[in-house]
Amino acid sequence: RIQQLLRAGRALALTTDRSHSTVALKFERHASGAAADRPFLLYGDQR
């Protein structure tokens, strides 16, 4: 898990401020990719 966090940190550090790689865009791409049917939010009895 530490290795994963370090890789994510390096990727963010290399991303320029003019990048379009916003969280909203990444979320949208997750929703249409392999993670589409994976849990995103659990809240009480809602999934």
ModelCIF file with pLDDT and N, C-alpha, C, O atoms, coordinates in Angstrom:
data_MODEL
#
_entry.id   MODEL 
#
_entity.id                         1 
_entity.type                       polymer 
_entity.pdbx_number_of_molecules   1 
#
_entity_poly.entity_id                      1 
_entity_poly.type                           'polypeptide(L)' 
_entity_poly.nstd_linkage                   no 
_entity_poly.nstd_monomer                   no 
_entity_poly.pdbx_seq_one_letter_code       RIQQLLRAGRALALTTDRSHSTVALKFERHASGAAADRPFLLYGDQR 
_entity_poly.pdbx_seq_one_letter_code_can   RIQQLLRAGRALALTTDRSHSTVALKFERHASGAAADRPFLLYGDQR 
_entity_poly.pdbx_strand_id                 A 
#
loop_
_entity_poly_seq.entity_id 
_entity_poly_seq.num 
_entity_poly_seq.mon_id 
_entity_poly_seq.hetero 
1 1  ARG n 
1 2  ILE n 
1 3  GLN n 
1 4  GLN n 
1 5  LEU n 
1 6  LEU n 
1 7  ARG n 
1 8  ALA n 
1 9  GLY n 
1 10 ARG n 
1 11 ALA n 
1 12 LEU n 
1 13 ALA n 
1 14 LEU n 
1 15 THR n 
1 16 THR n 
1 17 ASP n 
1 18 ARG n 
1 19 SER n 
1 20 HIS n 
1 21 SER n 
1 22 THR n 
1 23 VAL n 
1 24 ALA n 
1 25 LEU n 
1 26 LYS n 
1 27 PHE n 
1 28 GLU n 
1 29 ARG n 
1 30 HIS n 
1 31 ALA n 
1 32 SER n 
1 33 GLY n 
1 34 ALA n 
1 35 ALA n 
1 36 ALA n 
1 37 ASP n 
1 38 ARG n 
1 39 PRO n 
1 40 PHE n 
1 41 LEU n 
1 42 LEU n 
1 43 TYR n 
1 44 GLY n 
1 45 ASP n 
1 46 GLN n 
1 47 ARG n 
#
_struct_asym.id          A 
_struct_asym.entity_id   1 
#
loop_
_ma_qa_metric.id 
_ma_qa_metric.mode 
_ma_qa_metric.name 
_ma_qa_metric.software_group_id 
_ma_qa_metric.type 
1 global pLDDT . pLDDT 
2 local  pLDDT . pLDDT 
#
_ma_qa_metric_global.metric_id      1 
_ma_qa_metric_global.metric_value   76.55 
_ma_qa_metric_global.model_id       1 
_ma_qa_metric_global.ordinal_id     1 
#
loop_
_ma_qa_metric_local.label_asym_id 
_ma_qa_metric_local.label_comp_id 
_ma_qa_metric_local.label_seq_id 
_ma_qa_metric_local.metric_id 
_ma_qa_metric_local.metric_value 
_ma_qa_metric_local.model_id 
_ma_qa_metric_local.ordinal_id 
A ARG 1  2 40.00 1 1  
A ILE 2  2 39.00 1 2  
A GLN 3  2 46.00 1 3  
A GLN 4  2 47.00 1 4  
A LEU 5  2 39.00 1 5  
A LEU 6  2 43.00 1 6  
A ARG 7  2 51.00 1 7  
A ALA 8  2 49.00 1 8  
A GLY 9  2 46.00 1 9  
A ARG 10 2 47.00 1 10 
A ALA 11 2 55.00 1 11 
A LEU 12 2 50.00 1 12 
A ALA 13 2 47.00 1 13 
A LEU 14 2 49.00 1 14 
A THR 15 2 54.00 1 15 
A THR 16 2 59.00 1 16 
A ASP 17 2 61.00 1 17 
A ARG 18 2 66.00 1 18 
A SER 19 2 81.00 1 19 
A HIS 20 2 77.00 1 20 
A SER 21 2 82.00 1 21 
A THR 22 2 91.00 1 22 
A VAL 23 2 91.00 1 23 
A ALA 24 2 94.00 1 24 
A LEU 25 2 94.00 1 25 
A LYS 26 2 94.00 1 26 
A PHE 27 2 95.00 1 27 
A GLU 28 2 96.00 1 28 
A ARG 29 2 95.00 1 29 
A HIS 30 2 94.00 1 30 
A ALA 31 2 96.00 1 31 
A SER 32 2 95.00 1 32 
A GLY 33 2 95.00 1 33 
A ALA 34 2 96.00 1 34 
A ALA 35 2 94.00 1 35 
A ALA 36 2 97.00 1 36 
A ASP 37 2 97.00 1 37 
A ARG 38 2 97.00 1 38 
A PRO 39 2 96.00 1 39 
A PHE 40 2 96.00 1 40 
A LEU 41 2 96.00 1 41 
A LEU 42 2 97.00 1 42 
A TYR 43 2 95.00 1 43 
A GLY 44 2 93.00 1 44 
A ASP 45 2 94.00 1 45 
A GLN 46 2 95.00 1 46 
A ARG 47 2 97.00 1 47 
#
loop_
_atom_site.group_PDB 
_atom_site.id 
_atom_site.type_symbol 
_atom_site.label_atom_id 
_atom_site.label_alt_id 
_atom_site.label_comp_id 
_atom_site.label_asym_id 
_atom_site.label_entity_id 
_atom_site.label_seq_id 
_atom_site.pdbx_PDB_ins_code 
_atom_site.Cartn_x 
_atom_site.Cartn_y 
_atom_site.Cartn_z 
_atom_site.occupancy 
_atom_site.B_iso_or_equiv 
_atom_site.pdbx_formal_charge 
_atom_site.auth_seq_id 
_atom_site.auth_comp_id 
_atom_site.auth_asym_id 
_atom_site.auth_atom_id 
_atom_site.pdbx_PDB_model_num 
ATOM 1   N N  . ARG A 1 1  ? 0.831   -1.208 0.000   1.00 40.00 ? 1  ARG A N  1 
ATOM 2   C CA . ARG A 1 1  ? 0.000   0.000  0.000   1.00 40.00 ? 1  ARG A CA 1 
ATOM 3   C C  . ARG A 1 1  ? 0.863   1.253  0.000   1.00 40.00 ? 1  ARG A C  1 
ATOM 4   O O  . ARG A 1 1  ? 0.521   2.233  -0.662  1.00 40.00 ? 1  ARG A O  1 
ATOM 5   N N  . ILE A 1 2  ? 1.975   1.241  0.730   1.00 39.00 ? 2  ILE A N  1 
ATOM 6   C CA . ILE A 1 2  ? 2.894   2.383  0.745   1.00 39.00 ? 2  ILE A CA 1 
ATOM 7   C C  . ILE A 1 2  ? 3.473   2.608  -0.641  1.00 39.00 ? 2  ILE A C  1 
ATOM 8   O O  . ILE A 1 2  ? 3.591   3.746  -1.097  1.00 39.00 ? 2  ILE A O  1 
ATOM 9   N N  . GLN A 1 3  ? 3.839   1.501  -1.319  1.00 46.00 ? 3  GLN A N  1 
ATOM 10  C CA . GLN A 1 3  ? 4.350   1.629  -2.675  1.00 46.00 ? 3  GLN A CA 1 
ATOM 11  C C  . GLN A 1 3  ? 3.321   2.255  -3.610  1.00 46.00 ? 3  GLN A C  1 
ATOM 12  O O  . GLN A 1 3  ? 3.667   3.075  -4.460  1.00 46.00 ? 3  GLN A O  1 
ATOM 13  N N  . GLN A 1 4  ? 2.045   1.865  -3.450  1.00 47.00 ? 4  GLN A N  1 
ATOM 14  C CA . GLN A 1 4  ? 0.978   2.434  -4.272  1.00 47.00 ? 4  GLN A CA 1 
ATOM 15  C C  . GLN A 1 4  ? 0.848   3.931  -4.045  1.00 47.00 ? 4  GLN A C  1 
ATOM 16  O O  . GLN A 1 4  ? 0.688   4.696  -4.996  1.00 47.00 ? 4  GLN A O  1 
ATOM 17  N N  . LEU A 1 5  ? 0.917   4.349  -2.793  1.00 39.00 ? 5  LEU A N  1 
ATOM 18  C CA . LEU A 1 5  ? 0.807   5.771  -2.461  1.00 39.00 ? 5  LEU A CA 1 
ATOM 19  C C  . LEU A 1 5  ? 1.977   6.562  -3.022  1.00 39.00 ? 5  LEU A C  1 
ATOM 20  O O  . LEU A 1 5  ? 1.804   7.683  -3.502  1.00 39.00 ? 5  LEU A O  1 
ATOM 21  N N  . LEU A 1 6  ? 3.168   5.980  -2.962  1.00 43.00 ? 6  LEU A N  1 
ATOM 22  C CA . LEU A 1 6  ? 4.344   6.653  -3.503  1.00 43.00 ? 6  LEU A CA 1 
ATOM 23  C C  . LEU A 1 6  ? 4.237   6.804  -5.014  1.00 43.00 ? 6  LEU A C  1 
ATOM 24  O O  . LEU A 1 6  ? 4.588   7.849  -5.563  1.00 43.00 ? 6  LEU A O  1 
ATOM 25  N N  . ARG A 1 7  ? 3.750   5.760  -5.689  1.00 51.00 ? 7  ARG A N  1 
ATOM 26  C CA . ARG A 1 7  ? 3.569   5.854  -7.137  1.00 51.00 ? 7  ARG A CA 1 
ATOM 27  C C  . ARG A 1 7  ? 2.547   6.928  -7.482  1.00 51.00 ? 7  ARG A C  1 
ATOM 28  O O  . ARG A 1 7  ? 2.741   7.691  -8.428  1.00 51.00 ? 7  ARG A O  1 
ATOM 29  N N  . ALA A 1 8  ? 1.446   6.992  -6.709  1.00 49.00 ? 8  ALA A N  1 
ATOM 30  C CA . ALA A 1 8  ? 0.420   8.012  -6.946  1.00 49.00 ? 8  ALA A CA 1 
ATOM 31  C C  . ALA A 1 8  ? 0.982   9.403  -6.723  1.00 49.00 ? 8  ALA A C  1 
ATOM 32  O O  . ALA A 1 8  ? 0.675   10.331 -7.472  1.00 49.00 ? 8  ALA A O  1 
ATOM 33  N N  . GLY A 1 9  ? 1.804   9.549  -5.696  1.00 46.00 ? 9  GLY A N  1 
ATOM 34  C CA . GLY A 1 9  ? 2.419   10.849 -5.402  1.00 46.00 ? 9  GLY A CA 1 
ATOM 35  C C  . GLY A 1 9  ? 3.347   11.294 -6.516  1.00 46.00 ? 9  GLY A C  1 
ATOM 36  O O  . GLY A 1 9  ? 3.356   12.468 -6.886  1.00 46.00 ? 9  GLY A O  1 
ATOM 37  N N  . ARG A 1 10 ? 4.137   10.360 -7.061  1.00 47.00 ? 10 ARG A N  1 
ATOM 38  C CA . ARG A 1 10 ? 5.028   10.713 -8.162  1.00 47.00 ? 10 ARG A CA 1 
ATOM 39  C C  . ARG A 1 10 ? 4.225   11.116 -9.397  1.00 47.00 ? 10 ARG A C  1 
ATOM 40  O O  . ARG A 1 10 ? 4.597   12.055 -10.100 1.00 47.00 ? 10 ARG A O  1 
ATOM 41  N N  . ALA A 1 11 ? 3.137   10.416 -9.659  1.00 55.00 ? 11 ALA A N  1 
ATOM 42  C CA . ALA A 1 11 ? 2.298   10.736 -10.816 1.00 55.00 ? 11 ALA A CA 1 
ATOM 43  C C  . ALA A 1 11 ? 1.696   12.127 -10.676 1.00 55.00 ? 11 ALA A C  1 
ATOM 44  O O  . ALA A 1 11 ? 1.630   12.876 -11.651 1.00 55.00 ? 11 ALA A O  1 
ATOM 45  N N  . LEU A 1 12 ? 1.254   12.479 -9.466  1.00 50.00 ? 12 LEU A N  1 
ATOM 46  C CA . LEU A 1 12 ? 0.670   13.799 -9.246  1.00 50.00 ? 12 LEU A CA 1 
ATOM 47  C C  . LEU A 1 12 ? 1.722   14.886 -9.390  1.00 50.00 ? 12 LEU A C  1 
ATOM 48  O O  . LEU A 1 12 ? 1.449   15.953 -9.939  1.00 50.00 ? 12 LEU A O  1 
ATOM 49  N N  . ALA A 1 13 ? 2.934   14.613 -8.893  1.00 47.00 ? 13 ALA A N  1 
ATOM 50  C CA . ALA A 1 13 ? 4.009   15.600 -8.969  1.00 47.00 ? 13 ALA A CA 1 
ATOM 51  C C  . ALA A 1 13 ? 4.380   15.910 -10.411 1.00 47.00 ? 13 ALA A C  1 
ATOM 52  O O  . ALA A 1 13 ? 4.802   17.024 -10.720 1.00 47.00 ? 13 ALA A O  1 
ATOM 53  N N  . LEU A 1 14 ? 4.223   14.914 -11.308 1.00 49.00 ? 14 LEU A N  1 
ATOM 54  C CA . LEU A 1 14 ? 4.584   15.090 -12.707 1.00 49.00 ? 14 LEU A CA 1 
ATOM 55  C C  . LEU A 1 14 ? 3.459   15.701 -13.537 1.00 49.00 ? 14 LEU A C  1 
ATOM 56  O O  . LEU A 1 14 ? 3.654   16.023 -14.709 1.00 49.00 ? 14 LEU A O  1 
ATOM 57  N N  . THR A 1 15 ? 2.292   15.860 -12.936 1.00 54.00 ? 15 THR A N  1 
ATOM 58  C CA . THR A 1 15 ? 1.148   16.411 -13.648 1.00 54.00 ? 15 THR A CA 1 
ATOM 59  C C  . THR A 1 15 ? 1.203   17.929 -13.619 1.00 54.00 ? 15 THR A C  1 
ATOM 60  O O  . THR A 1 15 ? 1.293   18.514 -12.540 1.00 54.00 ? 15 THR A O  1 
ATOM 61  N N  . THR A 1 16 ? 1.152   18.585 -14.776 1.00 59.00 ? 16 THR A N  1 
ATOM 62  C CA . THR A 1 16 ? 1.236   20.036 -14.830 1.00 59.00 ? 16 THR A CA 1 
ATOM 63  C C  . THR A 1 16 ? -0.103  20.667 -14.500 1.00 59.00 ? 16 THR A C  1 
ATOM 64  O O  . THR A 1 16 ? -1.147  20.020 -14.584 1.00 59.00 ? 16 THR A O  1 
ATOM 65  N N  . ASP A 1 17 ? -0.061  21.948 -14.121 1.00 61.00 ? 17 ASP A N  1 
ATOM 66  C CA . ASP A 1 17 ? -1.293  22.652 -13.788 1.00 61.00 ? 17 ASP A CA 1 
ATOM 67  C C  . ASP A 1 17 ? -2.205  22.817 -14.992 1.00 61.00 ? 17 ASP A C  1 
ATOM 68  O O  . ASP A 1 17 ? -3.400  23.070 -14.836 1.00 61.00 ? 17 ASP A O  1 
ATOM 69  N N  . ARG A 1 18 ? -1.648  22.675 -16.199 1.00 66.00 ? 18 ARG A N  1 
ATOM 70  C CA . ARG A 1 18 ? -2.473  22.782 -17.407 1.00 66.00 ? 18 ARG A CA 1 
ATOM 71  C C  . ARG A 1 18 ? -3.035  21.430 -17.837 1.00 66.00 ? 18 ARG A C  1 
ATOM 72  O O  . ARG A 1 18 ? -3.708  21.326 -18.862 1.00 66.00 ? 18 ARG A O  1 
ATOM 73  N N  . SER A 1 19 ? -2.757  20.403 -17.051 1.00 81.00 ? 19 SER A N  1 
ATOM 74  C CA . SER A 1 19 ? -3.301  19.086 -17.342 1.00 81.00 ? 19 SER A CA 1 
ATOM 75  C C  . SER A 1 19 ? -4.810  19.090 -17.154 1.00 81.00 ? 19 SER A C  1 
ATOM 76  O O  . SER A 1 19 ? -5.342  19.810 -16.309 1.00 81.00 ? 19 SER A O  1 
ATOM 77  N N  . HIS A 1 20 ? -5.489  18.281 -17.950 1.00 77.00 ? 20 HIS A N  1 
ATOM 78  C CA . HIS A 1 20 ? -6.937  18.137 -17.826 1.00 77.00 ? 20 HIS A CA 1 
ATOM 79  C C  . HIS A 1 20 ? -7.308  16.966 -16.923 1.00 77.00 ? 20 HIS A C  1 
ATOM 80  O O  . HIS A 1 20 ? -8.472  16.570 -16.862 1.00 77.00 ? 20 HIS A O  1 
ATOM 81  N N  . SER A 1 21 ? -6.328  16.415 -16.228 1.00 82.00 ? 21 SER A N  1 
ATOM 82  C CA . SER A 1 21 ? -6.547  15.212 -15.421 1.00 82.00 ? 21 SER A CA 1 
ATOM 83  C C  . SER A 1 21 ? -7.136  15.561 -14.051 1.00 82.00 ? 21 SER A C  1 
ATOM 84  O O  . SER A 1 21 ? -6.522  15.300 -13.017 1.00 82.00 ? 21 SER A O  1 
ATOM 85  N N  . THR A 1 22 ? -8.322  16.149 -14.060 1.00 91.00 ? 22 THR A N  1 
ATOM 86  C CA . THR A 1 22 ? -8.992  16.509 -12.809 1.00 91.00 ? 22 THR A CA 1 
ATOM 87  C C  . THR A 1 22 ? -9.650  15.278 -12.192 1.00 91.00 ? 22 THR A C  1 
ATOM 88  O O  . THR A 1 22 ? -9.837  14.259 -12.859 1.00 91.00 ? 22 THR A O  1 
ATOM 89  N N  . VAL A 1 23 ? -9.993  15.386 -10.925 1.00 91.00 ? 23 VAL A N  1 
ATOM 90  C CA . VAL A 1 23 ? -10.664 14.278 -10.255 1.00 91.00 ? 23 VAL A CA 1 
ATOM 91  C C  . VAL A 1 23 ? -12.013 13.983 -10.918 1.00 91.00 ? 23 VAL A C  1 
ATOM 92  O O  . VAL A 1 23 ? -12.408 12.824 -11.043 1.00 91.00 ? 23 VAL A O  1 
ATOM 93  N N  . ALA A 1 24 ? -12.712 15.037 -11.338 1.00 94.00 ? 24 ALA A N  1 
ATOM 94  C CA . ALA A 1 24 ? -14.011 14.837 -11.992 1.00 94.00 ? 24 ALA A CA 1 
ATOM 95  C C  . ALA A 1 24 ? -13.854 14.004 -13.264 1.00 94.00 ? 24 ALA A C  1 
ATOM 96  O O  . ALA A 1 24 ? -14.673 13.130 -13.547 1.00 94.00 ? 24 ALA A O  1 
ATOM 97  N N  . LEU A 1 25 ? -12.796 14.281 -14.028 1.00 94.00 ? 25 LEU A N  1 
ATOM 98  C CA . LEU A 1 25 ? -12.567 13.527 -15.262 1.00 94.00 ? 25 LEU A CA 1 
ATOM 99  C C  . LEU A 1 25 ? -12.136 12.093 -14.945 1.00 94.00 ? 25 LEU A C  1 
ATOM 100 O O  . LEU A 1 25 ? -12.587 11.153 -15.600 1.00 94.00 ? 25 LEU A O  1 
ATOM 101 N N  . LYS A 1 26 ? -11.270 11.923 -13.950 1.00 94.00 ? 26 LYS A N  1 
ATOM 102 C CA . LYS A 1 26 ? -10.844 10.568 -13.581 1.00 94.00 ? 26 LYS A CA 1 
ATOM 103 C C  . LYS A 1 26 ? -12.031 9.744  -13.082 1.00 94.00 ? 26 LYS A C  1 
ATOM 104 O O  . LYS A 1 26 ? -12.162 8.563  -13.404 1.00 94.00 ? 26 LYS A O  1 
ATOM 105 N N  . PHE A 1 27 ? -12.885 10.382 -12.298 1.00 95.00 ? 27 PHE A N  1 
ATOM 106 C CA . PHE A 1 27 ? -14.086 9.708  -11.798 1.00 95.00 ? 27 PHE A CA 1 
ATOM 107 C C  . PHE A 1 27 ? -14.968 9.263  -12.961 1.00 95.00 ? 27 PHE A C  1 
ATOM 108 O O  . PHE A 1 27 ? -15.476 8.142  -12.975 1.00 95.00 ? 27 PHE A O  1 
ATOM 109 N N  . GLU A 1 28 ? -15.144 10.149 -13.931 1.00 96.00 ? 28 GLU A N  1 
ATOM 110 C CA . GLU A 1 28 ? -15.977 9.836  -15.091 1.00 96.00 ? 28 GLU A CA 1 
ATOM 111 C C  . GLU A 1 28 ? -15.403 8.657  -15.873 1.00 96.00 ? 28 GLU A C  1 
ATOM 112 O O  . GLU A 1 28 ? -16.150 7.801  -16.348 1.00 96.00 ? 28 GLU A O  1 
ATOM 113 N N  . ARG A 1 29 ? -14.098 8.613  -16.004 1.00 95.00 ? 29 ARG A N  1 
ATOM 114 C CA . ARG A 1 29 ? -13.472 7.523  -16.757 1.00 95.00 ? 29 ARG A CA 1 
ATOM 115 C C  . ARG A 1 29 ? -13.548 6.205  -15.986 1.00 95.00 ? 29 ARG A C  1 
ATOM 116 O O  . ARG A 1 29 ? -13.710 5.144  -16.590 1.00 95.00 ? 29 ARG A O  1 
ATOM 117 N N  . HIS A 1 30 ? -13.433 6.263  -14.663 1.00 94.00 ? 30 HIS A N  1 
ATOM 118 C CA . HIS A 1 30 ? -13.620 5.053  -13.860 1.00 94.00 ? 30 HIS A CA 1 
ATOM 119 C C  . HIS A 1 30 ? -15.026 4.486  -14.080 1.00 94.00 ? 30 HIS A C  1 
ATOM 120 O O  . HIS A 1 30 ? -15.219 3.272  -14.142 1.00 94.00 ? 30 HIS A O  1 
ATOM 121 N N  . ALA A 1 31 ? -15.996 5.387  -14.194 1.00 96.00 ? 31 ALA A N  1 
ATOM 122 C CA . ALA A 1 31 ? -17.394 4.967  -14.317 1.00 96.00 ? 31 ALA A CA 1 
ATOM 123 C C  . ALA A 1 31 ? -17.701 4.305  -15.647 1.00 96.00 ? 31 ALA A C  1 
ATOM 124 O O  . ALA A 1 31 ? -18.730 3.643  -15.783 1.00 96.00 ? 31 ALA A O  1 
ATOM 125 N N  . SER A 1 32 ? -16.830 4.470  -16.628 1.00 95.00 ? 32 SER A N  1 
ATOM 126 C CA . SER A 1 32 ? -17.060 3.845  -17.935 1.00 95.00 ? 32 SER A CA 1 
ATOM 127 C C  . SER A 1 32 ? -16.020 2.774  -18.249 1.00 95.00 ? 32 SER A C  1 
ATOM 128 O O  . SER A 1 32 ? -16.016 2.195  -19.335 1.00 95.00 ? 32 SER A O  1 
ATOM 129 N N  . GLY A 1 33 ? -15.134 2.518  -17.274 1.00 95.00 ? 33 GLY A N  1 
ATOM 130 C CA . GLY A 1 33 ? -14.079 1.543  -17.498 1.00 95.00 ? 33 GLY A CA 1 
ATOM 131 C C  . GLY A 1 33 ? -14.274 0.284  -16.681 1.00 95.00 ? 33 GLY A C  1 
ATOM 132 O O  . GLY A 1 33 ? -15.395 -0.096 -16.343 1.00 95.00 ? 33 GLY A O  1 
ATOM 133 N N  . ALA A 1 34 ? -13.152 -0.357 -16.368 1.00 96.00 ? 34 ALA A N  1 
ATOM 134 C CA . ALA A 1 34 ? -13.201 -1.642 -15.670 1.00 96.00 ? 34 ALA A CA 1 
ATOM 135 C C  . ALA A 1 34 ? -13.778 -1.538 -14.268 1.00 96.00 ? 34 ALA A C  1 
ATOM 136 O O  . ALA A 1 34 ? -14.276 -2.523 -13.722 1.00 96.00 ? 34 ALA A O  1 
ATOM 137 N N  . ALA A 1 35 ? -13.710 -0.336 -13.678 1.00 94.00 ? 35 ALA A N  1 
ATOM 138 C CA . ALA A 1 35 ? -14.201 -0.151 -12.306 1.00 94.00 ? 35 ALA A CA 1 
ATOM 139 C C  . ALA A 1 35 ? -15.673 0.220  -12.242 1.00 94.00 ? 35 ALA A C  1 
ATOM 140 O O  . ALA A 1 35 ? -16.198 0.456  -11.154 1.00 94.00 ? 35 ALA A O  1 
ATOM 141 N N  . ALA A 1 36 ? -16.348 0.275  -13.382 1.00 97.00 ? 36 ALA A N  1 
ATOM 142 C CA . ALA A 1 36 ? -17.710 0.808  -13.451 1.00 97.00 ? 36 ALA A CA 1 
ATOM 143 C C  . ALA A 1 36 ? -18.670 0.185  -12.446 1.00 97.00 ? 36 ALA A C  1 
ATOM 144 O O  . ALA A 1 36 ? -19.494 0.886  -11.858 1.00 97.00 ? 36 ALA A O  1 
ATOM 145 N N  . ASP A 1 37 ? -18.570 -1.115 -12.246 1.00 97.00 ? 37 ASP A N  1 
ATOM 146 C CA . ASP A 1 37 ? -19.519 -1.801 -11.369 1.00 97.00 ? 37 ASP A CA 1 
ATOM 147 C C  . ASP A 1 37 ? -18.924 -2.129 -9.997  1.00 97.00 ? 37 ASP A C  1 
ATOM 148 O O  . ASP A 1 37 ? -19.484 -2.918 -9.236  1.00 97.00 ? 37 ASP A O  1 
ATOM 149 N N  . ARG A 1 38 ? -17.792 -1.514 -9.700  1.00 97.00 ? 38 ARG A N  1 
ATOM 150 C CA . ARG A 1 38 ? -17.201 -1.671 -8.373  1.00 97.00 ? 38 ARG A CA 1 
ATOM 151 C C  . ARG A 1 38 ? -17.813 -0.652 -7.415  1.00 97.00 ? 38 ARG A C  1 
ATOM 152 O O  . ARG A 1 38 ? -18.292 0.394  -7.853  1.00 97.00 ? 38 ARG A O  1 
ATOM 153 N N  . PRO A 1 39 ? -17.804 -0.943 -6.119  1.00 96.00 ? 39 PRO A N  1 
ATOM 154 C CA . PRO A 1 39 ? -18.383 0.005  -5.149  1.00 96.00 ? 39 PRO A CA 1 
ATOM 155 C C  . PRO A 1 39 ? -17.625 1.327  -5.146  1.00 96.00 ? 39 PRO A C  1 
ATOM 156 O O  . PRO A 1 39 ? -16.396 1.348  -5.081  1.00 96.00 ? 39 PRO A O  1 
ATOM 157 N N  . PHE A 1 40 ? -18.359 2.414  -5.215  1.00 96.00 ? 40 PHE A N  1 
ATOM 158 C CA . PHE A 1 40 ? -17.786 3.753  -5.080  1.00 96.00 ? 40 PHE A CA 1 
ATOM 159 C C  . PHE A 1 40 ? -18.113 4.347  -3.727  1.00 96.00 ? 40 PHE A C  1 
ATOM 160 O O  . PHE A 1 40 ? -17.263 4.984  -3.105  1.00 96.00 ? 40 PHE A O  1 
ATOM 161 N N  . LEU A 1 41 ? -19.345 4.144  -3.261  1.00 96.00 ? 41 LEU A N  1 
ATOM 162 C CA . LEU A 1 41 ? -19.781 4.766  -2.008  1.00 96.00 ? 41 LEU A CA 1 
ATOM 163 C C  . LEU A 1 41 ? -20.714 3.826  -1.252  1.00 96.00 ? 41 LEU A C  1 
ATOM 164 O O  . LEU A 1 41 ? -21.664 3.277  -1.809  1.00 96.00 ? 41 LEU A O  1 
ATOM 165 N N  . LEU A 1 42 ? -20.417 3.661  0.021   1.00 97.00 ? 42 LEU A N  1 
ATOM 166 C CA . LEU A 1 42 ? -21.294 2.933  0.941   1.00 97.00 ? 42 LEU A CA 1 
ATOM 167 C C  . LEU A 1 42 ? -21.717 3.917  2.018   1.00 97.00 ? 42 LEU A C  1 
ATOM 168 O O  . LEU A 1 42 ? -20.876 4.504  2.698   1.00 97.00 ? 42 LEU A O  1 
ATOM 169 N N  . TYR A 1 43 ? -23.020 4.094  2.170   1.00 95.00 ? 43 TYR A N  1 
ATOM 170 C CA . TYR A 1 43 ? -23.541 5.071  3.133   1.00 95.00 ? 43 TYR A CA 1 
ATOM 171 C C  . TYR A 1 43 ? -24.766 4.465  3.799   1.00 95.00 ? 43 TYR A C  1 
ATOM 172 O O  . TYR A 1 43 ? -25.834 4.380  3.192   1.00 95.00 ? 43 TYR A O  1 
ATOM 173 N N  . GLY A 1 44 ? -24.609 4.045  5.048   1.00 93.00 ? 44 GLY A N  1 
ATOM 174 C CA . GLY A 1 44 ? -25.709 3.349  5.709   1.00 93.00 ? 44 GLY A CA 1 
ATOM 175 C C  . GLY A 1 44 ? -26.039 2.090  4.940   1.00 93.00 ? 44 GLY A C  1 
ATOM 176 O O  . GLY A 1 44 ? -25.164 1.260  4.692   1.00 93.00 ? 44 GLY A O  1 
ATOM 177 N N  . ASP A 1 45 ? -27.292 1.945  4.562   1.00 94.00 ? 45 ASP A N  1 
ATOM 178 C CA . ASP A 1 45 ? -27.688 0.772  3.781   1.00 94.00 ? 45 ASP A CA 1 
ATOM 179 C C  . ASP A 1 45 ? -27.706 1.073  2.275   1.00 94.00 ? 45 ASP A C  1 
ATOM 180 O O  . ASP A 1 45 ? -28.201 0.268  1.486   1.00 94.00 ? 45 ASP A O  1 
ATOM 181 N N  . GLN A 1 46 ? -27.165 2.228  1.882   1.00 95.00 ? 46 GLN A N  1 
ATOM 182 C CA . GLN A 1 46 ? -27.097 2.579  0.463   1.00 95.00 ? 46 GLN A CA 1 
ATOM 183 C C  . GLN A 1 46 ? -25.740 2.175  -0.114  1.00 95.00 ? 46 GLN A C  1 
ATOM 184 O O  . GLN A 1 46 ? -24.707 2.277  0.548   1.00 95.00 ? 46 GLN A O  1 
ATOM 185 N N  . ARG A 1 47 ? -25.771 1.718  -1.355  1.00 97.00 ? 47 ARG A N  1 
ATOM 186 C CA . ARG A 1 47 ? -24.554 1.305  -2.051  1.00 97.00 ? 47 ARG A CA 1 
ATOM 187 C C  . ARG A 1 47 ? -24.601 1.847  -3.478  1.00 97.00 ? 47 ARG A C  1 
ATOM 188 O O  . ARG A 1 47 ? -23.674 1.622  -4.255  1.00 97.00 ? 47 ARG A O  1 
#
